[in-house]
Amino acid sequence: MKKVAPNVTLSVRAETTPGTRVYMTGSPAQLGAWNPLKGPELFTDAAAYPKWSASISTEGWPSGGVEYKFVIIEPDGTNVWE
């Protein structure tokens, strides 16, 4: 039987302005190794807003857990770490 890596869905409540992007970044490479633009981008829509979410694979994550943060990138390029 093939082992399937578990996925997790992470969400954050962020009231934003049009053009804003929300990313997750953290310690493992899959989360961008603390570089927000290399981590997964979260998405929202009119029905879910202000909740932003992303589903990601935890394959290869260290067994002791990971550290992560959400980063809001404003339209002017300003980063706001949450």
PDB file of N, CA and C in Angstrom:
ATOM      1  N   MET A   1       0.833  -1.168   0.000  1.00  0.00           N
ATOM      2  CA  MET A   1       0.000   0.000   0.000  1.00  0.00           C
ATOM      3  C   MET A   1       0.888   1.245   0.000  1.00  0.00           C
ATOM      4  N   LYS A   2       0.570   2.197  -0.846  1.00  0.00           N
ATOM      5  CA  LYS A   2       1.352   3.416  -0.975  1.00  0.00           C
ATOM      6  C   LYS A   2       1.019   4.357   0.184  1.00  0.00           C
ATOM      7  N   LYS A   3       2.076   4.888   0.809  1.00  0.00           N
ATOM      8  CA  LYS A   3       1.884   5.849   1.894  1.00  0.00           C
ATOM      9  C   LYS A   3       1.553   7.211   1.289  1.00  0.00           C
ATOM     10  N   VAL A   4       0.492   7.821   1.762  1.00  0.00           N
ATOM     11  CA  VAL A   4       0.055   9.118   1.266  1.00  0.00           C
ATOM     12  C   VAL A   4       0.404  10.176   2.298  1.00  0.00           C
ATOM     13  N   ALA A   5       1.068  11.224   1.849  1.00  0.00           N
ATOM     14  CA  ALA A   5       1.435  12.305   2.767  1.00  0.00           C
ATOM     15  C   ALA A   5       0.176  13.066   3.176  1.00  0.00           C
ATOM     16  N   PRO A   6       0.063  13.361   4.451  1.00  0.00           N
ATOM     17  CA  PRO A   6      -1.106  14.116   4.891  1.00  0.00           C
ATOM     18  C   PRO A   6      -1.023  15.576   4.433  1.00  0.00           C
ATOM     19  N   ASN A   7      -2.176  16.131   4.224  1.00  0.00           N
ATOM     20  CA  ASN A   7      -2.277  17.550   3.891  1.00  0.00           C
ATOM     21  C   ASN A   7      -2.897  18.274   5.077  1.00  0.00           C
ATOM     22  N   VAL A   8      -2.550  19.526   5.213  1.00  0.00           N
ATOM     23  CA  VAL A   8      -3.180  20.362   6.220  1.00  0.00           C
ATOM     24  C   VAL A   8      -3.712  21.607   5.523  1.00  0.00           C
ATOM     25  N   THR A   9      -4.781  22.142   6.060  1.00  0.00           N
ATOM     26  CA  THR A   9      -5.303  23.415   5.585  1.00  0.00           C
ATOM     27  C   THR A   9      -5.095  24.417   6.707  1.00  0.00           C
ATOM     28  N   LEU A  10      -4.388  25.476   6.370  1.00  0.00           N
ATOM     29  CA  LEU A  10      -4.116  26.534   7.335  1.00  0.00           C
ATOM     30  C   LEU A  10      -4.849  27.792   6.906  1.00  0.00           C
ATOM     31  N   SER A  11      -5.412  28.490   7.879  1.00  0.00           N
ATOM     32  CA  SER A  11      -6.201  29.684   7.599  1.00  0.00           C
ATOM     33  C   SER A  11      -5.826  30.797   8.556  1.00  0.00           C
ATOM     34  N   VAL A  12      -6.058  32.016   8.098  1.00  0.00           N
ATOM     35  CA  VAL A  12      -5.837  33.190   8.928  1.00  0.00           C
ATOM     36  C   VAL A  12      -6.924  34.207   8.583  1.00  0.00           C
ATOM     37  N   ARG A  13      -7.333  34.950   9.582  1.00  0.00           N
ATOM     38  CA  ARG A  13      -8.303  36.028   9.358  1.00  0.00           C
ATOM     39  C   ARG A  13      -7.496  37.296   9.138  1.00  0.00           C
ATOM     40  N   ALA A  14      -7.634  37.883   7.958  1.00  0.00           N
ATOM     41  CA  ALA A  14      -6.881  39.091   7.634  1.00  0.00           C
ATOM     42  C   ALA A  14      -7.757  40.020   6.811  1.00  0.00           C
ATOM     43  N   GLU A  15      -8.084  41.168   7.387  1.00  0.00           N
ATOM     44  CA  GLU A  15      -8.843  42.176   6.652  1.00  0.00           C
ATOM     45  C   GLU A  15      -7.837  42.961   5.828  1.00  0.00           C
ATOM     46  N   THR A  16      -8.011  42.923   4.520  1.00  0.00           N
ATOM     47  CA  THR A  16      -7.029  43.467   3.603  1.00  0.00           C
ATOM     48  C   THR A  16      -7.680  44.415   2.609  1.00  0.00           C
ATOM     49  N   THR A  17      -6.843  45.062   1.814  1.00  0.00           N
ATOM     50  CA  THR A  17      -7.327  45.927   0.748  1.00  0.00           C
ATOM     51  C   THR A  17      -7.131  45.205  -0.585  1.00  0.00           C
ATOM     52  N   PRO A  18      -7.853  45.604  -1.626  1.00  0.00           N
ATOM     53  CA  PRO A  18      -7.661  44.963  -2.928  1.00  0.00           C
ATOM     54  C   PRO A  18      -6.193  45.017  -3.369  1.00  0.00           C
ATOM     55  N   GLY A  19      -5.723  43.922  -3.932  1.00  0.00           N
ATOM     56  CA  GLY A  19      -4.344  43.845  -4.388  1.00  0.00           C
ATOM     57  C   GLY A  19      -3.386  43.271  -3.364  1.00  0.00           C
ATOM     58  N   THR A  20      -3.863  43.071  -2.139  1.00  0.00           N
ATOM     59  CA  THR A  20      -3.034  42.492  -1.088  1.00  0.00           C
ATOM     60  C   THR A  20      -2.923  40.990  -1.305  1.00  0.00           C
ATOM     61  N   ARG A  21      -1.756  40.442  -0.976  1.00  0.00           N
ATOM     62  CA  ARG A  21      -1.535  39.002  -1.061  1.00  0.00           C
ATOM     63  C   ARG A  21      -1.129  38.499   0.320  1.00  0.00           C
ATOM     64  N   VAL A  22      -1.510  37.261   0.629  1.00  0.00           N
ATOM     65  CA  VAL A  22      -1.197  36.666   1.925  1.00  0.00           C
ATOM     66  C   VAL A  22      -0.424  35.372   1.680  1.00  0.00           C
ATOM     67  N   TYR A  23       0.708  35.232   2.371  1.00  0.00           N
ATOM     68  CA  TYR A  23       1.562  34.052   2.245  1.00  0.00           C
ATOM     69  C   TYR A  23       1.796  33.447   3.611  1.00  0.00           C
ATOM     70  N   MET A  24       2.230  32.209   3.594  1.00  0.00           N
ATOM     71  CA  MET A  24       2.686  31.527   4.801  1.00  0.00           C
ATOM     72  C   MET A  24       4.153  31.207   4.588  1.00  0.00           C
ATOM     73  N   THR A  25       4.968  31.429   5.595  1.00  0.00           N
ATOM     74  CA  THR A  25       6.377  31.084   5.499  1.00  0.00           C
ATOM     75  C   THR A  25       6.833  30.486   6.818  1.00  0.00           C
ATOM     76  N   GLY A  26       7.889  29.700   6.753  1.00  0.00           N
ATOM     77  CA  GLY A  26       8.357  29.058   7.978  1.00  0.00           C
ATOM     78  C   GLY A  26       9.658  28.314   7.780  1.00  0.00           C
ATOM     79  N   SER A  27       9.949  27.459   8.749  1.00  0.00           N
ATOM     80  CA  SER A  27      11.245  26.792   8.796  1.00  0.00           C
ATOM     81  C   SER A  27      11.481  25.758   7.697  1.00  0.00           C
ATOM     82  N   PRO A  28      10.522  24.904   7.308  1.00  0.00           N
ATOM     83  CA  PRO A  28      10.848  23.917   6.276  1.00  0.00           C
ATOM     84  C   PRO A  28      10.895  24.552   4.878  1.00  0.00           C
ATOM     85  N   ALA A  29      11.593  23.893   3.982  1.00  0.00           N
ATOM     86  CA  ALA A  29      11.728  24.387   2.609  1.00  0.00           C
ATOM     87  C   ALA A  29      10.360  24.553   1.938  1.00  0.00           C
ATOM     88  N   GLN A  30       9.397  23.662   2.230  1.00  0.00           N
ATOM     89  CA  GLN A  30       8.070  23.753   1.621  1.00  0.00           C
ATOM     90  C   GLN A  30       7.351  25.054   2.002  1.00  0.00           C
ATOM     91  N   LEU A  31       7.796  25.672   3.098  1.00  0.00           N
ATOM     92  CA  LEU A  31       7.201  26.938   3.532  1.00  0.00           C
ATOM     93  C   LEU A  31       8.097  28.123   3.183  1.00  0.00           C
ATOM     94  N   GLY A  32       9.093  27.892   2.353  1.00  0.00           N
ATOM     95  CA  GLY A  32       9.919  28.994   1.872  1.00  0.00           C
ATOM     96  C   GLY A  32      11.148  29.306   2.679  1.00  0.00           C
ATOM     97  N   ALA A  33      11.431  28.525   3.744  1.00  0.00           N
ATOM     98  CA  ALA A  33      12.613  28.761   4.594  1.00  0.00           C
ATOM     99  C   ALA A  33      12.703  30.228   5.008  1.00  0.00           C
ATOM    100  N   TRP A  34      11.587  30.768   5.469  1.00  0.00           N
ATOM    101  CA  TRP A  34      11.441  32.137   5.965  1.00  0.00           C
ATOM    102  C   TRP A  34      11.489  33.203   4.875  1.00  0.00           C
ATOM    103  N   ASN A  35      11.338  32.821   3.616  1.00  0.00           N
ATOM    104  CA  ASN A  35      11.212  33.786   2.520  1.00  0.00           C
ATOM    105  C   ASN A  35       9.741  33.771   2.098  1.00  0.00           C
ATOM    106  N   PRO A  36       8.980  34.823   2.438  1.00  0.00           N
ATOM    107  CA  PRO A  36       7.537  34.793   2.175  1.00  0.00           C
ATOM    108  C   PRO A  36       7.156  34.482   0.734  1.00  0.00           C
ATOM    109  N   LEU A  37       7.888  35.000  -0.240  1.00  0.00           N
ATOM    110  CA  LEU A  37       7.516  34.792  -1.632  1.00  0.00           C
ATOM    111  C   LEU A  37       7.810  33.385  -2.121  1.00  0.00           C
ATOM    112  N   LYS A  38       8.518  32.585  -1.319  1.00  0.00           N
ATOM    113  CA  LYS A  38       8.774  31.189  -1.680  1.00  0.00           C
ATOM    114  C   LYS A  38       7.832  30.234  -0.948  1.00  0.00           C
ATOM    115  N   GLY A  39       7.039  30.762  -0.035  1.00  0.00           N
ATOM    116  CA  GLY A  39       6.077  29.944   0.693  1.00  0.00           C
ATOM    117  C   GLY A  39       4.745  29.897  -0.039  1.00  0.00           C
ATOM    118  N   PRO A  40       3.820  29.079   0.447  1.00  0.00           N
ATOM    119  CA  PRO A  40       2.515  28.974  -0.210  1.00  0.00           C
ATOM    120  C   PRO A  40       1.693  30.252  -0.060  1.00  0.00           C
ATOM    121  N   GLU A  41       1.026  30.607  -1.147  1.00  0.00           N
ATOM    122  CA  GLU A  41       0.129  31.763  -1.108  1.00  0.00           C
ATOM    123  C   GLU A  41      -1.244  31.300  -0.643  1.00  0.00           C
ATOM    124  N   LEU A  42      -1.859  32.087   0.229  1.00  0.00           N
ATOM    125  CA  LEU A  42      -3.209  31.795   0.693  1.00  0.00           C
ATOM    126  C   LEU A  42      -4.202  32.515  -0.209  1.00  0.00           C
ATOM    127  N   PHE A  43      -5.416  31.993  -0.270  1.00  0.00           N
ATOM    128  CA  PHE A  43      -6.438  32.560  -1.144  1.00  0.00           C
ATOM    129  C   PHE A  43      -7.730  32.785  -0.375  1.00  0.00           C
ATOM    130  N   THR A  44      -8.539  33.687  -0.889  1.00  0.00           N
ATOM    131  CA  THR A  44      -9.856  33.959  -0.325  1.00  0.00           C
ATOM    132  C   THR A  44     -10.812  34.215  -1.481  1.00  0.00           C
ATOM    133  N   ASP A  45     -12.075  34.326  -1.158  1.00  0.00           N
ATOM    134  CA  ASP A  45     -13.078  34.728  -2.139  1.00  0.00           C
ATOM    135  C   ASP A  45     -14.162  35.504  -1.393  1.00  0.00           C
ATOM    136  N   ALA A  46     -15.126  36.006  -2.133  1.00  0.00           N
ATOM    137  CA  ALA A  46     -16.154  36.855  -1.522  1.00  0.00           C
ATOM    138  C   ALA A  46     -16.904  36.149  -0.403  1.00  0.00           C
ATOM    139  N   ALA A  47     -17.140  34.858  -0.537  1.00  0.00           N
ATOM    140  CA  ALA A  47     -17.891  34.111   0.475  1.00  0.00           C
ATOM    141  C   ALA A  47     -17.059  33.847   1.729  1.00  0.00           C
ATOM    142  N   ALA A  48     -15.753  33.692   1.587  1.00  0.00           N
ATOM    143  CA  ALA A  48     -14.893  33.347   2.727  1.00  0.00           C
ATOM    144  C   ALA A  48     -14.257  34.559   3.392  1.00  0.00           C
ATOM    145  N   TYR A  49     -14.092  35.663   2.662  1.00  0.00           N
ATOM    146  CA  TYR A  49     -13.385  36.829   3.190  1.00  0.00           C
ATOM    147  C   TYR A  49     -13.966  37.279   4.523  1.00  0.00           C
ATOM    148  N   PRO A  50     -13.127  37.572   5.507  1.00  0.00           N
ATOM    149  CA  PRO A  50     -11.690  37.832   5.532  1.00  0.00           C
ATOM    150  C   PRO A  50     -10.824  36.610   5.865  1.00  0.00           C
ATOM    151  N   LYS A  51     -11.367  35.409   5.686  1.00  0.00           N
ATOM    152  CA  LYS A  51     -10.589  34.198   5.948  1.00  0.00           C
ATOM    153  C   LYS A  51      -9.792  33.826   4.695  1.00  0.00           C
ATOM    154  N   TRP A  52      -8.469  33.723   4.860  1.00  0.00           N
ATOM    155  CA  TRP A  52      -7.555  33.313   3.791  1.00  0.00           C
ATOM    156  C   TRP A  52      -7.068  31.914   4.137  1.00  0.00           C
ATOM    157  N   SER A  53      -6.968  31.012   3.141  1.00  0.00           N
ATOM    158  CA  SER A  53      -6.602  29.617   3.413  1.00  0.00           C
ATOM    159  C   SER A  53      -5.706  29.046   2.315  1.00  0.00           C
ATOM    160  N   ALA A  54      -4.961  28.009   2.706  1.00  0.00           N
ATOM    161  CA  ALA A  54      -4.171  27.220   1.754  1.00  0.00           C
ATOM    162  C   ALA A  54      -4.078  25.798   2.284  1.00  0.00           C
ATOM    163  N   SER A  55      -4.170  24.830   1.374  1.00  0.00           N
ATOM    164  CA  SER A  55      -3.948  23.425   1.725  1.00  0.00           C
ATOM    165  C   SER A  55      -2.552  23.060   1.242  1.00  0.00           C
ATOM    166  N   ILE A  56      -1.771  22.467   2.126  1.00  0.00           N
ATOM    167  CA  ILE A  56      -0.394  22.131   1.782  1.00  0.00           C
ATOM    168  C   ILE A  56      -0.055  20.733   2.266  1.00  0.00           C
ATOM    169  N   SER A  57       0.904  20.122   1.604  1.00  0.00           N
ATOM    170  CA  SER A  57       1.383  18.801   1.992  1.00  0.00           C
ATOM    171  C   SER A  57       2.405  18.948   3.111  1.00  0.00           C
ATOM    172  N   THR A  58       2.362  18.019   4.047  1.00  0.00           N
ATOM    173  CA  THR A  58       3.350  18.014   5.128  1.00  0.00           C
ATOM    174  C   THR A  58       4.457  16.998   4.871  1.00  0.00           C
ATOM    175  N   GLU A  59       4.492  16.448   3.662  1.00  0.00           N
ATOM    176  CA  GLU A  59       5.523  15.472   3.328  1.00  0.00           C
ATOM    177  C   GLU A  59       6.912  16.109   3.483  1.00  0.00           C
ATOM    178  N   GLY A  60       7.782  15.417   4.206  1.00  0.00           N
ATOM    179  CA  GLY A  60       9.146  15.891   4.406  1.00  0.00           C
ATOM    180  C   GLY A  60       9.330  16.850   5.563  1.00  0.00           C
ATOM    181  N   TRP A  61       8.256  17.194   6.252  1.00  0.00           N
ATOM    182  CA  TRP A  61       8.400  18.093   7.399  1.00  0.00           C
ATOM    183  C   TRP A  61       9.101  17.365   8.536  1.00  0.00           C
ATOM    184  N   PRO A  62       9.855  18.083   9.351  1.00  0.00           N
ATOM    185  CA  PRO A  62      10.500  17.433  10.492  1.00  0.00           C
ATOM    186  C   PRO A  62       9.452  16.907  11.477  1.00  0.00           C
ATOM    187  N   SER A  63       9.744  15.791  12.108  1.00  0.00           N
ATOM    188  CA  SER A  63       8.774  15.158  13.005  1.00  0.00           C
ATOM    189  C   SER A  63       8.506  15.977  14.264  1.00  0.00           C
ATOM    190  N   GLY A  64       9.405  16.866  14.625  1.00  0.00           N
ATOM    191  CA  GLY A  64       9.220  17.667  15.834  1.00  0.00           C
ATOM    192  C   GLY A  64       8.344  18.883  15.652  1.00  0.00           C
ATOM    193  N   GLY A  65       7.813  19.079  14.457  1.00  0.00           N
ATOM    194  CA  GLY A  65       6.959  20.230  14.198  1.00  0.00           C
ATOM    195  C   GLY A  65       7.709  21.313  13.438  1.00  0.00           C
ATOM    196  N   VAL A  66       6.996  22.357  13.084  1.00  0.00           N
ATOM    197  CA  VAL A  66       7.578  23.463  12.332  1.00  0.00           C
ATOM    198  C   VAL A  66       7.160  24.786  12.942  1.00  0.00           C
ATOM    199  N   GLU A  67       7.947  25.803  12.651  1.00  0.00           N
ATOM    200  CA  GLU A  67       7.589  27.173  13.015  1.00  0.00           C
ATOM    201  C   GLU A  67       7.130  27.868  11.743  1.00  0.00           C
ATOM    202  N   TYR A  68       6.095  28.696  11.857  1.00  0.00           N
ATOM    203  CA  TYR A  68       5.616  29.413  10.682  1.00  0.00           C
ATOM    204  C   TYR A  68       4.936  30.707  11.090  1.00  0.00           C
ATOM    205  N   LYS A  69       4.809  31.586  10.117  1.00  0.00           N
ATOM    206  CA  LYS A  69       4.079  32.843  10.284  1.00  0.00           C
ATOM    207  C   LYS A  69       3.332  33.128   8.991  1.00  0.00           C
ATOM    208  N   PHE A  70       2.311  33.968   9.119  1.00  0.00           N
ATOM    209  CA  PHE A  70       1.611  34.475   7.955  1.00  0.00           C
ATOM    210  C   PHE A  70       2.174  35.850   7.642  1.00  0.00           C
ATOM    211  N   VAL A  71       2.301  36.159   6.357  1.00  0.00           N
ATOM    212  CA  VAL A  71       2.829  37.450   5.936  1.00  0.00           C
ATOM    213  C   VAL A  71       1.847  38.074   4.953  1.00  0.00           C
ATOM    214  N   ILE A  72       1.441  39.296   5.255  1.00  0.00           N
ATOM    215  CA  ILE A  72       0.574  40.061   4.365  1.00  0.00           C
ATOM    216  C   ILE A  72       1.482  40.960   3.541  1.00  0.00           C
ATOM    217  N   ILE A  73       1.353  40.865   2.226  1.00  0.00           N
ATOM    218  CA  ILE A  73       2.145  41.714   1.346  1.00  0.00           C
ATOM    219  C   ILE A  73       1.196  42.726   0.708  1.00  0.00           C
ATOM    220  N   GLU A  74       1.386  43.969   1.118  1.00  0.00           N
ATOM    221  CA  GLU A  74       0.535  45.062   0.648  1.00  0.00           C
ATOM    222  C   GLU A  74       0.813  45.347  -0.825  1.00  0.00           C
ATOM    223  N   PRO A  75      -0.120  46.006  -1.518  1.00  0.00           N
ATOM    224  CA  PRO A  75       0.088  46.319  -2.937  1.00  0.00           C
ATOM    225  C   PRO A  75       1.373  47.114  -3.212  1.00  0.00           C
ATOM    226  N   ASP A  76       1.828  47.903  -2.239  1.00  0.00           N
ATOM    227  CA  ASP A  76       3.070  48.678  -2.437  1.00  0.00           C
ATOM    228  C   ASP A  76       4.325  47.868  -2.122  1.00  0.00           C
ATOM    229  N   GLY A  77       4.162  46.586  -1.763  1.00  0.00           N
ATOM    230  CA  GLY A  77       5.294  45.722  -1.477  1.00  0.00           C
ATOM    231  C   GLY A  77       5.676  45.631  -0.008  1.00  0.00           C
ATOM    232  N   THR A  78       5.033  46.394   0.846  1.00  0.00           N
ATOM    233  CA  THR A  78       5.290  46.345   2.286  1.00  0.00           C
ATOM    234  C   THR A  78       4.885  44.980   2.836  1.00  0.00           C
ATOM    235  N   ASN A  79       5.751  44.391   3.655  1.00  0.00           N
ATOM    236  CA  ASN A  79       5.470  43.092   4.301  1.00  0.00           C
ATOM    237  C   ASN A  79       5.008  43.331   5.729  1.00  0.00           C
ATOM    238  N   VAL A  80       3.904  42.713   6.107  1.00  0.00           N
ATOM    239  CA  VAL A  80       3.385  42.781   7.468  1.00  0.00           C
ATOM    240  C   VAL A  80       3.387  41.338   7.991  1.00  0.00           C
ATOM    241  N   TRP A  81       4.269  41.052   8.962  1.00  0.00           N
ATOM    242  CA  TRP A  81       4.381  39.701   9.522  1.00  0.00           C
ATOM    243  C   TRP A  81       3.372  39.547  10.645  1.00  0.00           C
ATOM    244  N   GLU A  82       2.614  38.464  10.601  1.00  0.00           N
ATOM    245  CA  GLU A  82       1.601  38.180  11.631  1.00  0.00           C
ATOM    246  C   GLU A  82       2.054  37.032  12.508  1.00  0.00           C
TER     247      GLU A  82
END
